Amino acid sequence: MERYKSEYQPVWKNVRDVPPPAGTKILLRMKYGTALIGQYYEEGGFTHWCGLPKLSGDDKHDMVG
């Protein structure tokens, strides 16, 4: 099972100030502004990270049927 981190209101965190969770799917931003979903690794050139966007219970209900 793949782990991921999600947040209701994702906020970018600097990788130097707040280390990203290891082995976890997150949103990563590179130094030139490109963002991608993946796992952090030090050689990747990532500058910031945040959890994946998470829907509230009401939002999930609206998407069904």
N, C-alpha and C. Protein backbone atom coordinates (compact mmCIF):
# COMPACT_ATOMS: atom_id res chain seq x y z
N MET A 1 0.85 -1.19 0.00
CA MET A 1 0.00 0.00 0.00
C MET A 1 0.88 1.24 0.00
N GLU A 2 0.59 2.16 -0.89
CA GLU A 2 1.37 3.38 -1.00
C GLU A 2 0.86 4.43 -0.01
N ARG A 3 1.78 5.05 0.70
CA ARG A 3 1.41 6.10 1.65
C ARG A 3 1.35 7.44 0.93
N TYR A 4 0.46 8.32 1.41
CA TYR A 4 0.41 9.68 0.90
C TYR A 4 0.02 10.60 2.04
N LYS A 5 0.33 11.87 1.88
CA LYS A 5 -0.03 12.88 2.86
C LYS A 5 -0.99 13.84 2.18
N SER A 6 -2.11 14.12 2.84
CA SER A 6 -3.07 15.07 2.28
C SER A 6 -3.42 16.12 3.33
N GLU A 7 -3.82 17.28 2.83
CA GLU A 7 -4.17 18.42 3.68
C GLU A 7 -5.38 19.12 3.10
N TYR A 8 -6.27 19.63 3.96
CA TYR A 8 -7.44 20.37 3.46
C TYR A 8 -7.02 21.66 2.77
N GLN A 9 -6.05 22.35 3.31
CA GLN A 9 -5.54 23.58 2.70
C GLN A 9 -4.02 23.48 2.62
N PRO A 10 -3.51 22.83 1.54
CA PRO A 10 -2.06 22.64 1.44
C PRO A 10 -1.30 23.96 1.46
N VAL A 11 -0.20 23.94 2.18
CA VAL A 11 0.67 25.11 2.28
C VAL A 11 2.08 24.65 1.94
N TRP A 12 2.77 25.39 1.05
CA TRP A 12 4.12 25.03 0.68
C TRP A 12 5.05 25.18 1.89
N LYS A 13 5.89 24.17 2.10
CA LYS A 13 6.89 24.18 3.17
C LYS A 13 8.26 24.05 2.54
N ASN A 14 9.23 24.83 3.03
CA ASN A 14 10.59 24.76 2.52
C ASN A 14 11.23 23.47 3.03
N VAL A 15 11.88 22.73 2.14
CA VAL A 15 12.46 21.44 2.54
C VAL A 15 13.58 21.62 3.57
N ARG A 16 14.21 22.79 3.63
CA ARG A 16 15.26 23.03 4.63
C ARG A 16 14.66 23.28 6.01
N ASP A 17 13.46 23.87 6.06
CA ASP A 17 12.82 24.20 7.34
C ASP A 17 11.98 23.04 7.90
N VAL A 18 11.25 22.38 7.02
CA VAL A 18 10.36 21.27 7.42
C VAL A 18 10.66 20.09 6.50
N PRO A 19 11.39 19.10 7.01
CA PRO A 19 11.74 17.95 6.16
C PRO A 19 10.49 17.20 5.67
N PRO A 20 10.46 16.84 4.39
CA PRO A 20 9.32 16.08 3.87
C PRO A 20 9.28 14.68 4.45
N PRO A 21 8.10 14.07 4.54
CA PRO A 21 8.00 12.70 5.05
C PRO A 21 8.64 11.72 4.06
N ALA A 22 9.40 10.79 4.57
CA ALA A 22 10.10 9.81 3.71
C ALA A 22 9.12 8.77 3.19
N GLY A 23 9.31 8.35 1.94
CA GLY A 23 8.51 7.28 1.36
C GLY A 23 7.04 7.58 1.24
N THR A 24 6.69 8.85 1.07
CA THR A 24 5.29 9.27 1.05
C THR A 24 5.03 10.12 -0.18
N LYS A 25 3.89 9.88 -0.87
CA LYS A 25 3.53 10.66 -2.05
C LYS A 25 3.06 12.05 -1.60
N ILE A 26 3.72 13.09 -2.13
CA ILE A 26 3.41 14.48 -1.80
C ILE A 26 3.54 15.33 -3.05
N LEU A 27 3.18 16.59 -2.96
CA LEU A 27 3.37 17.55 -4.05
C LEU A 27 4.71 18.24 -3.83
N LEU A 28 5.56 18.21 -4.85
CA LEU A 28 6.92 18.75 -4.75
C LEU A 28 7.10 19.88 -5.76
N ARG A 29 7.82 20.93 -5.36
CA ARG A 29 8.10 22.05 -6.27
C ARG A 29 9.60 22.15 -6.47
N MET A 30 9.99 22.34 -7.72
CA MET A 30 11.40 22.45 -8.06
C MET A 30 11.81 23.92 -8.09
N LYS A 31 13.11 24.17 -8.15
CA LYS A 31 13.60 25.55 -8.05
C LYS A 31 13.12 26.45 -9.18
N TYR A 32 12.70 25.90 -10.32
CA TYR A 32 12.21 26.72 -11.43
C TYR A 32 10.69 26.83 -11.44
N GLY A 33 10.02 26.35 -10.39
CA GLY A 33 8.58 26.53 -10.26
C GLY A 33 7.73 25.37 -10.71
N THR A 34 8.31 24.39 -11.37
CA THR A 34 7.56 23.22 -11.81
C THR A 34 7.17 22.37 -10.60
N ALA A 35 5.93 21.90 -10.56
CA ALA A 35 5.47 21.06 -9.46
C ALA A 35 5.12 19.68 -9.99
N LEU A 36 5.30 18.68 -9.15
CA LEU A 36 4.97 17.32 -9.53
C LEU A 36 4.57 16.53 -8.30
N ILE A 37 3.88 15.42 -8.52
CA ILE A 37 3.50 14.53 -7.43
C ILE A 37 4.50 13.39 -7.41
N GLY A 38 5.04 13.11 -6.24
CA GLY A 38 6.00 12.02 -6.13
C GLY A 38 6.54 11.92 -4.72
N GLN A 39 7.66 11.21 -4.59
CA GLN A 39 8.32 11.06 -3.31
C GLN A 39 9.60 11.90 -3.30
N TYR A 40 9.87 12.52 -2.17
CA TYR A 40 11.05 13.37 -2.03
C TYR A 40 12.32 12.53 -1.99
N TYR A 41 13.34 13.00 -2.68
CA TYR A 41 14.69 12.47 -2.54
C TYR A 41 15.64 13.65 -2.68
N GLU A 42 16.67 13.66 -1.91
CA GLU A 42 17.55 14.82 -1.77
C GLU A 42 18.16 15.29 -3.09
N GLU A 43 18.49 14.37 -3.98
CA GLU A 43 19.12 14.73 -5.24
C GLU A 43 18.14 15.29 -6.28
N GLY A 44 16.85 15.35 -5.95
CA GLY A 44 15.83 15.76 -6.91
C GLY A 44 15.77 17.24 -7.21
N GLY A 45 16.46 18.08 -6.44
CA GLY A 45 16.42 19.51 -6.68
C GLY A 45 15.12 20.17 -6.23
N PHE A 46 14.42 19.56 -5.29
CA PHE A 46 13.16 20.10 -4.80
C PHE A 46 13.42 21.18 -3.76
N THR A 47 12.63 22.24 -3.79
CA THR A 47 12.80 23.34 -2.84
C THR A 47 11.68 23.40 -1.81
N HIS A 48 10.47 23.00 -2.21
CA HIS A 48 9.30 23.08 -1.34
C HIS A 48 8.44 21.83 -1.51
N TRP A 49 7.60 21.58 -0.51
CA TRP A 49 6.67 20.46 -0.59
C TRP A 49 5.40 20.79 0.17
N CYS A 50 4.33 20.06 -0.13
CA CYS A 50 3.09 20.15 0.64
C CYS A 50 2.31 18.86 0.43
N GLY A 51 1.34 18.63 1.30
CA GLY A 51 0.48 17.47 1.15
C GLY A 51 -0.42 17.62 -0.06
N LEU A 52 -0.95 16.52 -0.54
CA LEU A 52 -1.88 16.57 -1.66
C LEU A 52 -3.20 17.19 -1.20
N PRO A 53 -3.89 17.90 -2.09
CA PRO A 53 -5.18 18.49 -1.70
C PRO A 53 -6.17 17.41 -1.27
N LYS A 54 -6.95 17.71 -0.25
CA LYS A 54 -7.91 16.76 0.31
C LYS A 54 -9.31 17.38 0.27
N LEU A 55 -10.28 16.60 -0.15
CA LEU A 55 -11.66 17.08 -0.18
C LEU A 55 -12.29 16.94 1.20
N SER A 56 -13.16 17.89 1.52
CA SER A 56 -13.92 17.75 2.76
C SER A 56 -15.02 16.71 2.53
N GLY A 57 -15.67 16.29 3.60
CA GLY A 57 -16.75 15.31 3.48
C GLY A 57 -17.86 15.78 2.57
N ASP A 58 -18.23 17.06 2.66
CA ASP A 58 -19.29 17.62 1.80
C ASP A 58 -18.86 17.60 0.33
N ASP A 59 -17.61 17.93 0.05
CA ASP A 59 -17.12 17.93 -1.32
C ASP A 59 -17.14 16.53 -1.91
N LYS A 60 -16.77 15.53 -1.11
CA LYS A 60 -16.80 14.15 -1.58
C LYS A 60 -18.22 13.73 -1.91
N HIS A 61 -19.17 14.12 -1.08
CA HIS A 61 -20.58 13.77 -1.28
C HIS A 61 -21.09 14.38 -2.59
N ASP A 62 -20.69 15.63 -2.90
CA ASP A 62 -21.14 16.32 -4.11
C ASP A 62 -20.63 15.64 -5.38
N MET A 63 -19.50 14.93 -5.29
CA MET A 63 -18.91 14.31 -6.48
C MET A 63 -19.55 12.98 -6.81
N VAL A 64 -20.26 12.37 -5.88
CA VAL A 64 -20.87 11.06 -6.11
C VAL A 64 -22.25 11.26 -6.71
N GLY A 65 -22.52 10.51 -7.79
CA GLY A 65 -23.84 10.45 -8.38
C GLY A 65 -24.42 11.74 -8.74
